PDB file of N, CA and C in Angstrom:
ATOM      1  N   MET A   1       0.757  -1.196  -0.116  1.00  0.00           N
ATOM      2  CA  MET A   1       0.052  -0.073   0.036  1.00  0.00           C
ATOM      3  C   MET A   1       0.857   1.247  -0.026  1.00  0.00           C
ATOM      4  N   ARG A   2       1.950   1.188   0.574  1.00  0.00           N
ATOM      5  CA  ARG A   2       2.825   2.507   0.789  1.00  0.00           C
ATOM      6  C   ARG A   2       3.341   2.775  -0.876  1.00  0.00           C
ATOM      7  N   ASP A   3       3.426   1.854  -1.623  1.00  0.00           N
ATOM      8  CA  ASP A   3       3.874   2.038  -3.070  1.00  0.00           C
ATOM      9  C   ASP A   3       2.658   2.609  -3.854  1.00  0.00           C
ATOM     10  N   ILE A   4       1.528   2.355  -3.560  1.00  0.00           N
ATOM     11  CA  ILE A   4       0.249   2.865  -4.276  1.00  0.00           C
ATOM     12  C   ILE A   4       0.182   4.464  -3.680  1.00  0.00           C
ATOM     13  N   LYS A   5       0.434   4.729  -2.561  1.00  0.00           N
ATOM     14  CA  LYS A   5       0.357   6.201  -1.811  1.00  0.00           C
ATOM     15  C   LYS A   5       1.366   7.000  -2.699  1.00  0.00           C
ATOM     16  N   ARG A   6       2.500   6.379  -2.976  1.00  0.00           N
ATOM     17  CA  ARG A   6       3.532   7.200  -3.722  1.00  0.00           C
ATOM     18  C   ARG A   6       3.255   7.475  -5.091  1.00  0.00           C
ATOM     19  N   GLN A   7       2.334   6.609  -5.719  1.00  0.00           N
ATOM     20  CA  GLN A   7       2.101   6.771  -7.247  1.00  0.00           C
ATOM     21  C   GLN A   7       0.848   7.659  -7.455  1.00  0.00           C
ATOM     22  N   LEU A   8      -0.111   7.819  -6.374  1.00  0.00           N
ATOM     23  CA  LEU A   8      -1.286   8.708  -6.417  1.00  0.00           C
ATOM     24  C   LEU A   8      -1.103  10.007  -5.797  1.00  0.00           C
ATOM     25  N   ASN A   9      -1.585  11.060  -6.313  1.00  0.00           N
ATOM     26  CA  ASN A   9      -1.437  12.370  -5.498  1.00  0.00           C
ATOM     27  C   ASN A   9      -2.465  12.437  -4.513  1.00  0.00           C
ATOM     28  N   GLU A  10      -2.551  13.368  -3.551  1.00  0.00           N
ATOM     29  CA  GLU A  10      -3.287  13.432  -2.537  1.00  0.00           C
ATOM     30  C   GLU A  10      -4.849  13.454  -2.896  1.00  0.00           C
ATOM     31  N   SER A  11      -5.217  14.204  -3.892  1.00  0.00           N
ATOM     32  CA  SER A  11      -6.589  14.460  -4.251  1.00  0.00           C
ATOM     33  C   SER A  11      -7.146  13.116  -4.775  1.00  0.00           C
ATOM     34  N   GLU A  12      -6.383  12.359  -5.618  1.00  0.00           N
ATOM     35  CA  GLU A  12      -6.839  11.103  -6.084  1.00  0.00           C
ATOM     36  C   GLU A  12      -6.886  10.122  -4.926  1.00  0.00           C
ATOM     37  N   LEU A  13      -6.116  10.044  -4.064  1.00  0.00           N
ATOM     38  CA  LEU A  13      -6.394   9.152  -2.722  1.00  0.00           C
ATOM     39  C   LEU A  13      -7.710   9.696  -1.936  1.00  0.00           C
ATOM     40  N   ASN A  14      -7.853  10.942  -1.919  1.00  0.00           N
ATOM     41  CA  ASN A  14      -9.047  11.356  -1.039  1.00  0.00           C
ATOM     42  C   ASN A  14     -10.298  11.064  -1.791  1.00  0.00           C
ATOM     43  N   ALA A  15     -10.275  11.064  -3.223  1.00  0.00           N
ATOM     44  CA  ALA A  15     -11.447  10.656  -3.877  1.00  0.00           C
ATOM     45  C   ALA A  15     -11.815   9.335  -3.841  1.00  0.00           C
ATOM     46  N   ILE A  16     -10.863   8.387  -3.626  1.00  0.00           N
ATOM     47  CA  ILE A  16     -10.984   7.005  -3.755  1.00  0.00           C
ATOM     48  C   ILE A  16     -11.163   6.258  -2.258  1.00  0.00           C
ATOM     49  N   MET A  17     -10.359   6.608  -1.522  1.00  0.00           N
ATOM     50  CA  MET A  17     -10.406   5.976  -0.262  1.00  0.00           C
ATOM     51  C   MET A  17     -11.746   5.938   0.716  1.00  0.00           C
ATOM     52  N   PRO A  18     -12.287   7.148   0.664  1.00  0.00           N
ATOM     53  CA  PRO A  18     -13.697   7.202   1.388  1.00  0.00           C
ATOM     54  C   PRO A  18     -14.776   6.428   0.865  1.00  0.00           C
ATOM     55  N   LYS A  19     -14.590   5.868  -0.482  1.00  0.00           N
ATOM     56  CA  LYS A  19     -15.692   5.023  -1.073  1.00  0.00           C
ATOM     57  C   LYS A  19     -15.908   3.731  -0.457  1.00  0.00           C
ATOM     58  N   ILE A  20     -17.013   3.336  -0.288  1.00  0.00           N
ATOM     59  CA  ILE A  20     -17.237   1.975   0.180  1.00  0.00           C
ATOM     60  C   ILE A  20     -17.047   0.834  -0.806  1.00  0.00           C
ATOM     61  N   MET A  21     -16.245  -0.158  -0.897  1.00  0.00           N
ATOM     62  CA  MET A  21     -16.256  -1.221  -1.751  1.00  0.00           C
ATOM     63  C   MET A  21     -16.847  -2.376  -1.495  1.00  0.00           C
ATOM     64  N   GLN A  22     -17.403  -2.977  -2.367  1.00  0.00           N
ATOM     65  CA  GLN A  22     -18.326  -4.248  -2.161  1.00  0.00           C
ATOM     66  C   GLN A  22     -17.300  -5.408  -2.486  1.00  0.00           C
ATOM     67  N   TRP A  23     -16.824  -6.206  -1.579  1.00  0.00           N
ATOM     68  CA  TRP A  23     -15.838  -7.408  -1.753  1.00  0.00           C
ATOM     69  C   TRP A  23     -16.790  -8.307  -2.475  1.00  0.00           C
ATOM     70  N   THR A  24     -16.233  -8.883  -3.795  1.00  0.00           N
ATOM     71  CA  THR A  24     -16.774  -9.801  -4.503  1.00  0.00           C
ATOM     72  C   THR A  24     -16.005 -11.268  -4.573  1.00  0.00           C
ATOM     73  N   LYS A  25     -16.671 -12.257  -5.327  1.00  0.00           N
ATOM     74  CA  LYS A  25     -16.023 -13.417  -5.565  1.00  0.00           C
ATOM     75  C   LYS A  25     -14.777 -13.079  -6.450  1.00  0.00           C
ATOM     76  N   GLU A  26     -14.870 -12.173  -7.491  1.00  0.00           N
ATOM     77  CA  GLU A  26     -13.987 -11.735  -8.255  1.00  0.00           C
ATOM     78  C   GLU A  26     -12.694 -11.130  -7.636  1.00  0.00           C
ATOM     79  N   HIS A  27     -13.023 -10.491  -6.423  1.00  0.00           N
ATOM     80  CA  HIS A  27     -11.836 -10.021  -5.595  1.00  0.00           C
ATOM     81  C   HIS A  27     -11.053 -11.184  -4.732  1.00  0.00           C
ATOM     82  N   ASP A  28     -11.846 -12.191  -4.343  1.00  0.00           N
ATOM     83  CA  ASP A  28     -11.282 -13.342  -3.777  1.00  0.00           C
ATOM     84  C   ASP A  28     -10.370 -13.902  -4.799  1.00  0.00           C
ATOM     85  N   ASP A  29     -10.834 -14.087  -5.908  1.00  0.00           N
ATOM     86  CA  ASP A  29     -10.164 -14.913  -7.074  1.00  0.00           C
ATOM     87  C   ASP A  29      -8.869 -14.057  -7.130  1.00  0.00           C
ATOM     88  N   LEU A  30      -8.816 -12.651  -7.428  1.00  0.00           N
ATOM     89  CA  LEU A  30      -7.642 -11.948  -7.712  1.00  0.00           C
ATOM     90  C   LEU A  30      -6.615 -12.050  -6.427  1.00  0.00           C
ATOM     91  N   LEU A  31      -7.221 -12.085  -5.193  1.00  0.00           N
ATOM     92  CA  LEU A  31      -6.354 -12.140  -4.034  1.00  0.00           C
ATOM     93  C   LEU A  31      -5.657 -13.410  -4.146  1.00  0.00           C
ATOM     94  N   VAL A  32      -6.193 -14.615  -4.346  1.00  0.00           N
ATOM     95  CA  VAL A  32      -5.575 -15.892  -4.425  1.00  0.00           C
ATOM     96  C   VAL A  32      -4.631 -15.981  -5.571  1.00  0.00           C
ATOM     97  N   LYS A  33      -4.905 -15.226  -6.857  1.00  0.00           N
ATOM     98  CA  LYS A  33      -3.906 -15.212  -7.862  1.00  0.00           C
ATOM     99  C   LYS A  33      -2.713 -14.280  -7.518  1.00  0.00           C
ATOM    100  N   GLU A  34      -2.826 -13.330  -6.875  1.00  0.00           N
ATOM    101  CA  GLU A  34      -1.749 -12.434  -6.366  1.00  0.00           C
ATOM    102  C   GLU A  34      -0.889 -13.227  -5.399  1.00  0.00           C
ATOM    103  N   VAL A  35      -1.548 -13.842  -4.423  1.00  0.00           N
ATOM    104  CA  VAL A  35      -0.712 -14.518  -3.415  1.00  0.00           C
ATOM    105  C   VAL A  35      -0.045 -15.642  -3.888  1.00  0.00           C
ATOM    106  N   LEU A  36      -0.629 -16.302  -5.147  1.00  0.00           N
ATOM    107  CA  LEU A  36       0.196 -17.565  -5.602  1.00  0.00           C
ATOM    108  C   LEU A  36       1.323 -16.921  -6.471  1.00  0.00           C
ATOM    109  N   ALA A  37       1.001 -15.792  -7.126  1.00  0.00           N
ATOM    110  CA  ALA A  37       2.012 -15.223  -7.925  1.00  0.00           C
ATOM    111  C   ALA A  37       3.413 -14.718  -7.053  1.00  0.00           C
ATOM    112  N   LEU A  38       3.023 -14.124  -6.073  1.00  0.00           N
ATOM    113  CA  LEU A  38       4.032 -13.419  -5.536  1.00  0.00           C
ATOM    114  C   LEU A  38       4.678 -14.136  -4.156  1.00  0.00           C
ATOM    115  N   ASP A  39       3.901 -15.063  -3.708  1.00  0.00           N
ATOM    116  CA  ASP A  39       4.251 -16.150  -2.598  1.00  0.00           C
ATOM    117  C   ASP A  39       4.879 -15.360  -1.602  1.00  0.00           C
ATOM    118  N   PRO A  40       4.062 -14.612  -0.801  1.00  0.00           N
ATOM    119  CA  PRO A  40       4.742 -13.931   0.412  1.00  0.00           C
ATOM    120  C   PRO A  40       5.267 -14.928   1.577  1.00  0.00           C
ATOM    121  N   PHE A  41       4.686 -16.220   1.304  1.00  0.00           N
ATOM    122  CA  PHE A  41       5.082 -17.134   2.663  1.00  0.00           C
ATOM    123  C   PHE A  41       6.354 -17.693   2.281  1.00  0.00           C
ATOM    124  N   SER A  42       6.952 -17.357   1.123  1.00  0.00           N
ATOM    125  CA  SER A  42       8.477 -17.829   0.998  1.00  0.00           C
ATOM    126  C   SER A  42       9.303 -16.981   1.810  1.00  0.00           C
ATOM    127  N   SER A  43       8.923 -15.844   2.132  1.00  0.00           N
ATOM    128  CA  SER A  43      10.025 -14.979   2.965  1.00  0.00           C
ATOM    129  C   SER A  43       9.619 -15.265   4.508  1.00  0.00           C
ATOM    130  N   PRO A  44      10.666 -14.945   5.249  1.00  0.00           N
ATOM    131  CA  PRO A  44      10.607 -15.180   6.771  1.00  0.00           C
ATOM    132  C   PRO A  44       9.460 -14.322   7.249  1.00  0.00           C
ATOM    133  N   LYS A  45       8.653 -14.788   8.202  1.00  0.00           N
ATOM    134  CA  LYS A  45       7.661 -14.050   9.137  1.00  0.00           C
ATOM    135  C   LYS A  45       8.185 -12.848   9.583  1.00  0.00           C
ATOM    136  N   GLY A  46       7.724 -11.813   9.383  1.00  0.00           N
ATOM    137  CA  GLY A  46       8.075 -10.592  10.210  1.00  0.00           C
ATOM    138  C   GLY A  46       9.209  -9.716   9.266  1.00  0.00           C
ATOM    139  N   SER A  47       9.618 -10.319   8.335  1.00  0.00           N
ATOM    140  CA  SER A  47      10.726  -9.658   7.451  1.00  0.00           C
ATOM    141  C   SER A  47      10.156  -8.485   6.785  1.00  0.00           C
ATOM    142  N   THR A  48      11.095  -7.603   6.216  1.00  0.00           N
ATOM    143  CA  THR A  48      10.759  -6.421   5.576  1.00  0.00           C
ATOM    144  C   THR A  48      10.532  -7.017   4.046  1.00  0.00           C
ATOM    145  N   GLU A  49      10.973  -8.144   3.659  1.00  0.00           N
ATOM    146  CA  GLU A  49      10.708  -8.502   2.288  1.00  0.00           C
ATOM    147  C   GLU A  49       9.244  -9.125   2.096  1.00  0.00           C
ATOM    148  N   ARG A  50       8.820  -9.721   3.197  1.00  0.00           N
ATOM    149  CA  ARG A  50       7.264 -10.194   3.359  1.00  0.00           C
ATOM    150  C   ARG A  50       6.413  -9.246   3.477  1.00  0.00           C
ATOM    151  N   SER A  51       6.781  -8.168   4.133  1.00  0.00           N
ATOM    152  CA  SER A  51       5.799  -6.882   4.245  1.00  0.00           C
ATOM    153  C   SER A  51       5.723  -6.305   2.867  1.00  0.00           C
ATOM    154  N   ASN A  52       6.976  -6.178   2.259  1.00  0.00           N
ATOM    155  CA  ASN A  52       6.824  -5.598   0.953  1.00  0.00           C
ATOM    156  C   ASN A  52       6.137  -6.103  -0.156  1.00  0.00           C
ATOM    157  N   VAL A  53       5.931  -7.403  -0.029  1.00  0.00           N
ATOM    158  CA  VAL A  53       5.152  -8.440  -0.971  1.00  0.00           C
ATOM    159  C   VAL A  53       3.637  -8.285  -0.538  1.00  0.00           C
ATOM    160  N   TRP A  54       3.381  -8.249   0.756  1.00  0.00           N
ATOM    161  CA  TRP A  54       2.043  -7.945   0.986  1.00  0.00           C
ATOM    162  C   TRP A  54       1.512  -6.482   0.663  1.00  0.00           C
ATOM    163  N   ASP A  55       2.516  -5.558   0.777  1.00  0.00           N
ATOM    164  CA  ASP A  55       2.096  -4.270   0.360  1.00  0.00           C
ATOM    165  C   ASP A  55       1.951  -4.160  -1.131  1.00  0.00           C
ATOM    166  N   SER A  56       2.511  -4.935  -1.909  1.00  0.00           N
ATOM    167  CA  SER A  56       2.410  -4.967  -3.462  1.00  0.00           C
ATOM    168  C   SER A  56       1.182  -5.650  -3.827  1.00  0.00           C
ATOM    169  N   ILE A  57       0.771  -6.673  -2.939  1.00  0.00           N
ATOM    170  CA  ILE A  57      -0.626  -7.426  -3.332  1.00  0.00           C
ATOM    171  C   ILE A  57      -1.693  -6.545  -2.898  1.00  0.00           C
ATOM    172  N   ALA A  58      -1.647  -5.837  -1.835  1.00  0.00           N
ATOM    173  CA  ALA A  58      -2.552  -4.713  -1.278  1.00  0.00           C
ATOM    174  C   ALA A  58      -2.852  -3.535  -2.267  1.00  0.00           C
ATOM    175  N   GLY A  59      -1.809  -3.118  -2.685  1.00  0.00           N
ATOM    176  CA  GLY A  59      -1.666  -2.109  -3.863  1.00  0.00           C
ATOM    177  C   GLY A  59      -2.164  -2.395  -5.055  1.00  0.00           C
ATOM    178  N   HIS A  60      -2.168  -3.834  -5.698  1.00  0.00           N
ATOM    179  CA  HIS A  60      -2.582  -4.076  -6.748  1.00  0.00           C
ATOM    180  C   HIS A  60      -3.980  -4.357  -6.688  1.00  0.00           C
ATOM    181  N   LEU A  61      -4.514  -4.797  -5.501  1.00  0.00           N
ATOM    182  CA  LEU A  61      -6.107  -4.979  -5.524  1.00  0.00           C
ATOM    183  C   LEU A  61      -6.766  -3.508  -5.128  1.00  0.00           C
ATOM    184  N   ILE A  62      -6.077  -2.595  -4.558  1.00  0.00           N
ATOM    185  CA  ILE A  62      -6.454  -1.143  -4.612  1.00  0.00           C
ATOM    186  C   ILE A  62      -6.745  -0.626  -5.950  1.00  0.00           C
ATOM    187  N   LEU A  63      -5.664  -0.828  -6.707  1.00  0.00           N
ATOM    188  CA  LEU A  63      -5.875  -0.324  -8.239  1.00  0.00           C
ATOM    189  C   LEU A  63      -7.006  -0.942  -9.015  1.00  0.00           C
ATOM    190  N   VAL A  64      -7.108  -2.337  -8.771  1.00  0.00           N
ATOM    191  CA  VAL A  64      -8.178  -2.796  -9.326  1.00  0.00           C
ATOM    192  C   VAL A  64      -9.565  -2.443  -8.820  1.00  0.00           C
ATOM    193  N   ALA A  65      -9.647  -2.323  -7.556  1.00  0.00           N
ATOM    194  CA  ALA A  65     -10.978  -1.683  -7.111  1.00  0.00           C
ATOM    195  C   ALA A  65     -11.191  -0.339  -7.394  1.00  0.00           C
ATOM    196  N   MET A  66     -10.163   0.378  -7.469  1.00  0.00           N
ATOM    197  CA  MET A  66     -10.307   1.881  -7.736  1.00  0.00           C
ATOM    198  C   MET A  66     -10.598   2.107  -9.358  1.00  0.00           C
ATOM    199  N   SER A  67     -10.076   1.254 -10.232  1.00  0.00           N
ATOM    200  CA  SER A  67     -10.515   1.270 -11.740  1.00  0.00           C
ATOM    201  C   SER A  67     -12.101   0.825 -11.831  1.00  0.00           C
ATOM    202  N   SER A  68     -12.491  -0.124 -10.953  1.00  0.00           N
ATOM    203  CA  SER A  68     -13.849  -0.643 -11.198  1.00  0.00           C
ATOM    204  C   SER A  68     -14.782   0.383 -10.711  1.00  0.00           C
ATOM    205  N   LEU A  69     -14.258   1.173  -9.677  1.00  0.00           N
ATOM    206  CA  LEU A  69     -15.092   2.329  -8.956  1.00  0.00           C
ATOM    207  C   LEU A  69     -15.296   3.451  -9.943  1.00  0.00           C
ATOM    208  N   LEU A  70     -14.136   3.781 -10.583  1.00  0.00           N
ATOM    209  CA  LEU A  70     -14.244   4.946 -11.621  1.00  0.00           C
ATOM    210  C   LEU A  70     -14.903   4.504 -12.836  1.00  0.00           C
ATOM    211  N   TYR A  71     -14.930   3.141 -13.080  1.00  0.00           N
ATOM    212  CA  TYR A  71     -15.672   2.677 -14.370  1.00  0.00           C
ATOM    213  C   TYR A  71     -17.249   2.836 -14.059  1.00  0.00           C
ATOM    214  N   LEU A  72     -17.631   2.440 -12.706  1.00  0.00           N
ATOM    215  CA  LEU A  72     -19.003   2.355 -12.390  1.00  0.00           C
ATOM    216  C   LEU A  72     -19.446   3.916 -12.449  1.00  0.00           C
ATOM    217  N   GLU A  73     -18.759   4.834 -11.837  1.00  0.00           N
ATOM    218  CA  GLU A  73     -19.028   6.302 -11.926  1.00  0.00           C
ATOM    219  C   GLU A  73     -19.221   6.771 -13.205  1.00  0.00           C
ATOM    220  N   ASP A  74     -18.192   6.472 -14.051  1.00  0.00           N
ATOM    221  CA  ASP A  74     -18.468   6.812 -15.485  1.00  0.00           C
ATOM    222  C   ASP A  74     -19.731   6.345 -16.228  1.00  0.00           C
ATOM    223  N   GLN A  75     -20.088   5.113 -15.841  1.00  0.00           N
ATOM    224  CA  GLN A  75     -21.223   4.480 -16.539  1.00  0.00           C
ATOM    225  C   GLN A  75     -22.558   5.040 -15.986  1.00  0.00           C
ATOM    226  N   SER A  76     -22.422   5.416 -14.514  1.00  0.00           N
ATOM    227  CA  SER A  76     -23.481   5.903 -13.923  1.00  0.00           C
ATOM    228  C   SER A  76     -23.816   7.452 -14.511  1.00  0.00           C
ATOM    229  N   ARG A  77     -22.601   8.291 -14.576  1.00  0.00           N
ATOM    230  CA  ARG A  77     -22.778   9.558 -15.429  1.00  0.00           C
ATOM    231  C   ARG A  77     -23.298   9.423 -16.819  1.00  0.00           C
ATOM    232  N   THR A  78     -22.944   8.566 -17.424  1.00  0.00           N
ATOM    233  CA  THR A  78     -23.284   8.431 -18.993  1.00  0.00           C
ATOM    234  C   THR A  78     -24.782   8.105 -18.979  1.00  0.00           C
ATOM    235  N   GLY A  79     -25.163   7.305 -18.062  1.00  0.00           N
ATOM    236  CA  GLY A  79     -26.496   6.596 -17.938  1.00  0.00           C
ATOM    237  C   GLY A  79     -27.407   7.844 -17.653  1.00  0.00           C
ATOM    238  N   PHE A  80     -27.050   8.681 -16.758  1.00  0.00           N
ATOM    239  CA  PHE A  80     -27.910   9.887 -16.140  1.00  0.00           C
ATOM    240  C   PHE A  80     -28.060  10.824 -17.274  1.00  0.00           C
ATOM    241  N   ASN A  81     -26.838  11.072 -18.011  1.00  0.00           N
ATOM    242  CA  ASN A  81     -26.902  12.111 -19.033  1.00  0.00           C
ATOM    243  C   ASN A  81     -27.768  11.539 -20.215  1.00  0.00           C
ATOM    244  N   LEU A  82     -27.798  10.207 -20.356  1.00  0.00           N
ATOM    245  CA  LEU A  82     -28.707   9.855 -21.674  1.00  0.00           C
ATOM    246  C   LEU A  82     -30.191  10.188 -21.062  1.00  0.00           C
ATOM    247  N   CYS A  83     -30.493   9.948 -19.760  1.00  0.00           N
ATOM    248  CA  CYS A  83     -31.792   9.962 -19.402  1.00  0.00           C
ATOM    249  C   CYS A  83     -32.330  11.435 -19.307  1.00  0.00           C
ATOM    250  N   SER A  84     -31.206  12.399 -19.243  1.00  0.00           N
ATOM    251  CA  SER A  84     -31.726  13.848 -19.067  1.00  0.00           C
ATOM    252  C   SER A  84     -32.191  14.358 -20.367  1.00  0.00           C
TER     253      SER A  84
END
């Protein structure tokens, strides 16, 4: 997550973090794929390396959630504009 905070500016973080995300089966699947790909359990428990791997996993999940929220907002706006 620390990596993500460095990549996004303050206003982008504030726009995304307060939103409530609905955890879905797709998120479960993505989490499992990330854990299998990055294998955080191969590093010693409590190590900086293991922490960095978990940060990377969390950051990727945040980016995916963020992109789906932005997509939903855009679709909602488009739908509203079509109805107006």
